[in-house]
């Protein structure tokens, strides 16, 4: 497993675990980041990511992307 922040642009990965406090995990779940979901990294700028998840595009800070573990 690796953090989502380390995925390459254009790579599609599967979420395996989400770390952090309950409120952080809940916020990510509301954005569509749940275990088993497929995520594609659309672009990166300054460590921040734009991801395609559940037919939506979502921007994540690098610190939030580090909490989402994928493979």
N, C-alpha and C. Protein backbone atom coordinates (compact mmCIF):
# COMPACT_ATOMS: atom_id res chain seq x y z
N UNK A 1 0.85 -1.19 0.00
CA UNK A 1 0.00 0.00 0.00
C UNK A 1 0.88 1.25 0.00
N UNK A 2 0.34 2.30 -0.58
CA UNK A 2 1.03 3.59 -0.62
C UNK A 2 -0.02 4.70 -0.48
N UNK A 3 0.41 5.89 -0.07
CA UNK A 3 -0.54 7.01 -0.01
C UNK A 3 -0.97 7.43 -1.41
N UNK A 4 -2.19 7.91 -1.54
CA UNK A 4 -2.71 8.39 -2.82
C UNK A 4 -1.82 9.50 -3.38
N UNK A 5 -1.19 10.28 -2.51
CA UNK A 5 -0.34 11.38 -2.95
C UNK A 5 0.84 10.88 -3.78
N UNK A 6 1.20 9.60 -3.67
CA UNK A 6 2.34 9.07 -4.42
C UNK A 6 1.94 8.44 -5.75
N UNK A 7 0.65 8.37 -6.05
CA UNK A 7 0.19 7.80 -7.31
C UNK A 7 0.56 8.75 -8.45
N UNK A 8 0.83 8.17 -9.62
CA UNK A 8 1.21 8.97 -10.78
C UNK A 8 -0.04 9.52 -11.49
N UNK A 9 0.16 10.59 -12.25
CA UNK A 9 -0.93 11.18 -13.03
C UNK A 9 -1.42 10.15 -14.04
N UNK A 10 -2.73 9.97 -14.12
CA UNK A 10 -3.33 9.02 -15.04
C UNK A 10 -3.48 7.63 -14.46
N UNK A 11 -2.90 7.38 -13.30
CA UNK A 11 -2.96 6.06 -12.68
C UNK A 11 -4.30 5.87 -11.97
N UNK A 12 -4.89 4.69 -12.14
CA UNK A 12 -6.12 4.33 -11.44
C UNK A 12 -5.77 3.33 -10.34
N UNK A 13 -6.17 3.65 -9.12
CA UNK A 13 -5.85 2.82 -7.97
C UNK A 13 -7.11 2.52 -7.18
N UNK A 14 -7.02 1.57 -6.27
CA UNK A 14 -8.15 1.18 -5.42
C UNK A 14 -7.84 1.58 -3.98
N UNK A 15 -8.81 2.20 -3.31
CA UNK A 15 -8.63 2.62 -1.92
C UNK A 15 -8.67 1.39 -1.03
N UNK A 16 -7.66 1.23 -0.18
CA UNK A 16 -7.58 0.09 0.72
C UNK A 16 -7.79 0.47 2.18
N UNK A 17 -7.42 1.71 2.55
CA UNK A 17 -7.56 2.13 3.95
C UNK A 17 -7.54 3.65 4.01
N UNK A 18 -8.27 4.21 4.97
CA UNK A 18 -8.26 5.65 5.20
C UNK A 18 -7.90 5.88 6.65
N UNK A 19 -6.86 6.66 6.87
CA UNK A 19 -6.37 6.90 8.24
C UNK A 19 -6.79 8.29 8.70
N UNK A 20 -6.59 8.56 9.97
CA UNK A 20 -6.91 9.87 10.53
C UNK A 20 -8.04 9.80 11.54
N UNK A 21 -8.38 10.95 12.07
CA UNK A 21 -9.47 11.04 13.06
C UNK A 21 -10.80 10.74 12.40
N UNK A 22 -11.80 10.46 13.22
CA UNK A 22 -13.13 10.11 12.71
C UNK A 22 -13.70 11.20 11.81
N UNK A 23 -13.52 12.48 12.19
CA UNK A 23 -14.10 13.56 11.39
C UNK A 23 -13.41 13.67 10.03
N UNK A 24 -12.11 13.37 9.98
CA UNK A 24 -11.39 13.41 8.70
C UNK A 24 -11.86 12.27 7.82
N UNK A 25 -11.98 11.07 8.38
CA UNK A 25 -12.45 9.92 7.61
C UNK A 25 -13.88 10.14 7.10
N UNK A 26 -14.71 10.75 7.93
CA UNK A 26 -16.10 11.03 7.53
C UNK A 26 -16.12 12.03 6.38
N UNK A 27 -15.29 13.07 6.46
CA UNK A 27 -15.23 14.08 5.39
C UNK A 27 -14.80 13.44 4.07
N UNK A 28 -13.78 12.58 4.11
CA UNK A 28 -13.32 11.91 2.90
C UNK A 28 -14.40 10.98 2.35
N UNK A 29 -15.13 10.31 3.23
CA UNK A 29 -16.22 9.42 2.79
C UNK A 29 -17.32 10.22 2.10
N UNK A 30 -17.61 11.41 2.59
CA UNK A 30 -18.63 12.26 1.97
C UNK A 30 -18.20 12.72 0.58
N UNK A 31 -16.89 12.81 0.35
CA UNK A 31 -16.37 13.18 -0.96
C UNK A 31 -16.32 11.99 -1.92
N UNK A 32 -16.55 10.78 -1.39
CA UNK A 32 -16.55 9.59 -2.23
C UNK A 32 -15.36 8.68 -2.01
N UNK A 33 -14.47 9.04 -1.10
CA UNK A 33 -13.29 8.23 -0.83
C UNK A 33 -13.62 7.19 0.23
N UNK A 34 -14.08 6.02 -0.24
CA UNK A 34 -14.43 4.91 0.65
C UNK A 34 -13.64 3.68 0.23
N UNK A 35 -13.46 2.74 1.15
CA UNK A 35 -12.68 1.55 0.86
C UNK A 35 -13.29 0.77 -0.31
N UNK A 36 -12.42 0.32 -1.21
CA UNK A 36 -12.84 -0.45 -2.36
C UNK A 36 -13.14 0.39 -3.59
N UNK A 37 -13.24 1.69 -3.43
CA UNK A 37 -13.57 2.58 -4.56
C UNK A 37 -12.33 2.81 -5.43
N UNK A 38 -12.55 2.90 -6.74
CA UNK A 38 -11.46 3.17 -7.69
C UNK A 38 -11.30 4.68 -7.85
N UNK A 39 -10.05 5.14 -7.86
CA UNK A 39 -9.72 6.57 -7.97
C UNK A 39 -8.68 6.74 -9.06
N UNK A 40 -8.86 7.75 -9.90
CA UNK A 40 -7.88 8.09 -10.93
C UNK A 40 -7.31 9.46 -10.63
N UNK A 41 -5.98 9.57 -10.64
CA UNK A 41 -5.33 10.87 -10.43
C UNK A 41 -5.36 11.61 -11.76
N UNK A 42 -6.04 12.75 -11.79
CA UNK A 42 -6.19 13.53 -13.02
C UNK A 42 -5.02 14.49 -13.19
N UNK A 43 -4.64 15.19 -12.11
CA UNK A 43 -3.50 16.11 -12.19
C UNK A 43 -2.95 16.38 -10.80
N UNK A 44 -1.73 16.93 -10.80
CA UNK A 44 -1.07 17.32 -9.56
C UNK A 44 -0.49 18.71 -9.75
N UNK A 45 -0.62 19.53 -8.71
CA UNK A 45 -0.02 20.87 -8.71
C UNK A 45 0.48 21.18 -7.32
N UNK A 46 1.78 21.32 -7.18
CA UNK A 46 2.35 21.66 -5.88
C UNK A 46 2.03 20.64 -4.80
N UNK A 47 1.90 19.39 -5.16
CA UNK A 47 1.58 18.35 -4.19
C UNK A 47 0.10 18.10 -4.02
N UNK A 48 -0.74 19.04 -4.44
CA UNK A 48 -2.19 18.86 -4.36
C UNK A 48 -2.67 18.06 -5.56
N UNK A 49 -3.75 17.29 -5.38
CA UNK A 49 -4.23 16.40 -6.42
C UNK A 49 -5.64 16.75 -6.85
N UNK A 50 -5.94 16.47 -8.10
CA UNK A 50 -7.32 16.43 -8.59
C UNK A 50 -7.56 14.99 -8.98
N UNK A 51 -8.59 14.39 -8.38
CA UNK A 51 -8.87 12.97 -8.57
C UNK A 51 -10.28 12.79 -9.13
N UNK A 52 -10.43 11.76 -9.95
CA UNK A 52 -11.75 11.36 -10.44
C UNK A 52 -12.20 10.20 -9.56
N UNK A 53 -13.33 10.40 -8.87
CA UNK A 53 -13.88 9.37 -8.00
C UNK A 53 -15.40 9.43 -8.10
N UNK A 54 -16.04 8.30 -8.32
CA UNK A 54 -17.50 8.21 -8.42
C UNK A 54 -18.09 9.26 -9.38
N UNK A 55 -17.58 9.31 -10.60
CA UNK A 55 -18.08 10.23 -11.64
C UNK A 55 -17.97 11.70 -11.26
N UNK A 56 -17.07 12.04 -10.35
CA UNK A 56 -16.84 13.43 -9.96
C UNK A 56 -15.34 13.70 -9.94
N UNK A 57 -14.99 14.96 -10.02
CA UNK A 57 -13.59 15.36 -9.83
C UNK A 57 -13.49 16.11 -8.52
N UNK A 58 -12.52 15.68 -7.71
CA UNK A 58 -12.37 16.22 -6.36
C UNK A 58 -10.93 16.67 -6.18
N UNK A 59 -10.73 17.86 -5.61
CA UNK A 59 -9.39 18.34 -5.28
C UNK A 59 -9.07 17.97 -3.84
N UNK A 60 -7.85 17.46 -3.65
CA UNK A 60 -7.39 17.07 -2.32
C UNK A 60 -6.05 17.73 -2.04
N UNK A 61 -5.88 18.22 -0.81
CA UNK A 61 -4.56 18.72 -0.42
C UNK A 61 -3.62 17.53 -0.26
N UNK A 62 -2.34 17.79 -0.25
CA UNK A 62 -1.37 16.71 -0.10
C UNK A 62 -1.54 16.01 1.24
N UNK A 63 -1.84 16.76 2.30
CA UNK A 63 -2.00 16.14 3.62
C UNK A 63 -3.20 15.20 3.66
N UNK A 64 -4.29 15.57 2.98
CA UNK A 64 -5.45 14.68 2.92
C UNK A 64 -5.14 13.46 2.05
N UNK A 65 -4.43 13.67 0.94
CA UNK A 65 -4.10 12.56 0.05
C UNK A 65 -3.17 11.57 0.73
N UNK A 66 -2.37 12.01 1.69
CA UNK A 66 -1.49 11.10 2.44
C UNK A 66 -2.29 10.17 3.35
N UNK A 67 -3.51 10.54 3.70
CA UNK A 67 -4.34 9.71 4.59
C UNK A 67 -5.07 8.59 3.86
N UNK A 68 -5.12 8.67 2.53
CA UNK A 68 -5.82 7.66 1.73
C UNK A 68 -4.78 6.67 1.21
N UNK A 69 -4.83 5.43 1.71
CA UNK A 69 -3.87 4.41 1.30
C UNK A 69 -4.48 3.57 0.17
N UNK A 70 -3.70 3.38 -0.88
CA UNK A 70 -4.19 2.71 -2.10
C UNK A 70 -3.20 1.65 -2.55
N UNK A 71 -3.64 0.83 -3.51
CA UNK A 71 -2.70 -0.06 -4.22
C UNK A 71 -3.20 -0.31 -5.61
